[in-house]
C-alpha atoms as a PDB file:
ATOM      1  CA  MET A   1      53.597  27.055  28.548  1.00  0.00           C
ATOM      2  CA  LYS A   2      52.925  24.418  31.344  1.00  0.00           C
ATOM      3  CA  GLU A   3      51.776  21.142  30.667  1.00  0.00           C
ATOM      4  CA  LEU A   4      49.535  19.157  33.505  1.00  0.00           C
ATOM      5  CA  GLN A   5      47.844  15.808  33.089  1.00  0.00           C
ATOM      6  CA  LEU A   6      44.284  15.969  33.288  1.00  0.00           C
ATOM      7  CA  LYS A   7      44.069  13.991  36.551  1.00  0.00           C
ATOM      8  CA  ASP A   8      46.246  16.989  37.532  1.00  0.00           C
ATOM      9  CA  ALA A   9      44.723  19.849  36.271  1.00  0.00           C
ATOM     10  CA  LYS A  10      41.075  18.144  38.389  1.00  0.00           C
ATOM     11  CA  ALA A  11      43.516  18.527  41.960  1.00  0.00           C
ATOM     12  CA  THR A  12      44.344  21.702  41.485  1.00  0.00           C
ATOM     13  CA  LEU A  13      41.992  23.220  39.081  1.00  0.00           C
ATOM     14  CA  SER A  14      42.037  26.324  41.499  1.00  0.00           C
ATOM     15  CA  ALA A  15      45.549  27.188  41.075  1.00  0.00           C
ATOM     16  CA  VAL A  16      45.466  26.204  36.829  1.00  0.00           C
ATOM     17  CA  VAL A  17      42.728  28.799  36.398  1.00  0.00           C
ATOM     18  CA  ASP A  18      44.679  31.418  38.660  1.00  0.00           C
ATOM     19  CA  ARG A  19      48.062  30.896  36.271  1.00  0.00           C
ATOM     20  CA  ALA A  20      45.596  31.328  32.912  1.00  0.00           C
ATOM     21  CA  VAL A  21      43.732  34.678  34.680  1.00  0.00           C
ATOM     22  CA  ALA A  22      47.355  35.916  35.399  1.00  0.00           C
ATOM     23  CA  GLY A  23      48.405  35.240  31.686  1.00  0.00           C
ATOM     24  CA  GLU A  24      49.786  31.729  32.128  1.00  0.00           C
ATOM     25  CA  PRO A  25      47.631  29.365  29.783  1.00  0.00           C
ATOM     26  CA  THR A  26      48.345  25.773  30.416  1.00  0.00           C
ATOM     27  CA  VAL A  27      48.163  22.369  28.190  1.00  0.00           C
ATOM     28  CA  ILE A  28      45.839  19.789  29.093  1.00  0.00           C
ATOM     29  CA  THR A  29      46.851  16.022  28.378  1.00  0.00           C
ATOM     30  CA  ARG A  30      45.018  13.028  28.495  1.00  0.00           C
ATOM     31  CA  HIS A  31      47.258   9.688  28.251  1.00  0.00           C
ATOM     32  CA  GLY A  32      50.559  11.878  26.440  1.00  0.00           C
ATOM     33  CA  ARG A  33      48.052  13.499  24.199  1.00  0.00           C
ATOM     34  CA  LYS A  34      47.585  17.128  23.748  1.00  0.00           C
ATOM     35  CA  GLU A  35      43.672  17.772  24.439  1.00  0.00           C
ATOM     36  CA  ALA A  36      42.935  21.638  25.587  1.00  0.00           C
ATOM     37  CA  VAL A  37      43.907  24.563  26.561  1.00  0.00           C
ATOM     38  CA  LEU A  38      43.074  26.280  29.615  1.00  0.00           C
ATOM     39  CA  VAL A  39      43.206  30.248  28.754  1.00  0.00           C
ATOM     40  CA  SER A  40      42.022  33.159  31.132  1.00  0.00           C
ATOM     41  CA  PHE A  41      38.415  34.148  29.652  1.00  0.00           C
ATOM     42  CA  GLU A  42      39.285  37.644  28.047  1.00  0.00           C
ATOM     43  CA  GLU A  43      42.369  35.773  26.234  1.00  0.00           C
ATOM     44  CA  TRP A  44      39.432  33.415  25.082  1.00  0.00           C
ATOM     45  CA  GLU A  45      37.554  36.212  24.263  1.00  0.00           C
ATOM     46  CA  ARG A  46      40.603  37.990  22.096  1.00  0.00           C
ATOM     47  CA  VAL A  47      41.368  35.227  19.951  1.00  0.00           C
ATOM     48  CA  SER A  48      37.530  34.149  19.123  1.00  0.00           C
ATOM     49  CA  LYS A  49      36.595  37.472  17.796  1.00  0.00           C
ATOM     50  CA  VAL A  50      39.362  36.799  14.911  1.00  0.00           C
ATOM     51  CA  PRO A  51      37.610  37.812  12.059  1.00  0.00           C
ATOM     52  CA  SER A  52      38.003  36.063   8.761  1.00  0.00           C
ATOM     53  CA  PHE A  53      39.728  35.897   5.598  1.00  0.00           C
ATOM     54  CA  ALA A  54      36.436  37.097   3.755  1.00  0.00           C
ATOM     55  CA  ASP A  55      35.195  39.732   6.585  1.00  0.00           C
ATOM     56  CA  LEU A  56      39.142  41.253   5.550  1.00  0.00           C
ATOM     57  CA  LEU A  57      37.796  41.618   2.334  1.00  0.00           C
ATOM     58  CA  LEU A  58      35.011  42.393   2.342  1.00  0.00           C
ATOM     59  CA  ALA A  59      36.384  45.568   4.724  1.00  0.00           C
ATOM     60  CA  PHE A  60      38.946  46.209   2.455  1.00  0.00           C
ATOM     61  CA  PRO A  61      38.216  50.133   1.988  1.00  0.00           C
ATOM     62  CA  GLY A  62      39.955  50.344  -1.498  1.00  0.00           C
ATOM     63  CA  GLU A  63      38.456  50.543  -4.770  1.00  0.00           C
ATOM     64  CA  PRO A  64      38.232  47.883  -6.775  1.00  0.00           C
ATOM     65  CA  GLY A  65      40.574  49.933  -9.194  1.00  0.00           C
ATOM     66  CA  ASP A  66      44.046  49.479  -6.615  1.00  0.00           C
ATOM     67  CA  ILE A  67      43.630  45.662  -7.190  1.00  0.00           C
ATOM     68  CA  PRO A  68      46.114  44.784 -10.068  1.00  0.00           C
ATOM     69  CA  GLU A  69      43.904  42.222 -12.526  1.00  0.00           C
ATOM     70  CA  ARG A  70      45.016  38.672 -12.401  1.00  0.00           C
ATOM     71  CA  SER A  71      46.857  36.985 -15.340  1.00  0.00           C
ATOM     72  CA  ARG A  72      44.237  35.515 -18.229  1.00  0.00           C
ATOM     73  CA  LYS A  73      46.053  32.191 -17.759  1.00  0.00           C
ATOM     74  CA  PRO A  74      44.321  29.208 -16.211  1.00  0.00           C
ATOM     75  CA  ALA A  75      45.504  27.506 -13.003  1.00  0.00           C
ATOM     76  CA  ARG A  76      47.745  24.583 -13.621  1.00  0.00           C
ATOM     77  CA  THR A  77      46.243  21.413 -11.973  1.00  0.00           C
ATOM     78  CA  LEU A  78      47.964  18.694  -9.792  1.00  0.00           C
ATOM     79  CA  ARG A  79      47.890  16.201 -12.507  1.00  0.00           C
ATOM     80  CA  GLU A  80      50.686  19.006 -14.745  1.00  0.00           C
ATOM     81  CA  THR A  81      52.730  19.911 -11.914  1.00  0.00           C
ATOM     82  CA  GLY A  82      53.049  15.715 -11.312  1.00  0.00           C
ATOM     83  CA  LEU A  83      52.226  16.091  -7.853  1.00  0.00           C
END
């Protein structure tokens, strides 16, 4: 993935967009820090439609008996683990 400083991205925006459409995202940096990523609209749509974990659980096609019972033992606290 290519990195470009913001000032250079501004100067060559058309070329940066063309690369994104061709499947090559660009990281935009400002003062040496990564600030943004330019990707194609198609790629943004693809990654923005990823279902949440809750949606995946709700879509589970099985029956309640398909999931094994959890142990009744209470979870340990951080204090008990020494962390």
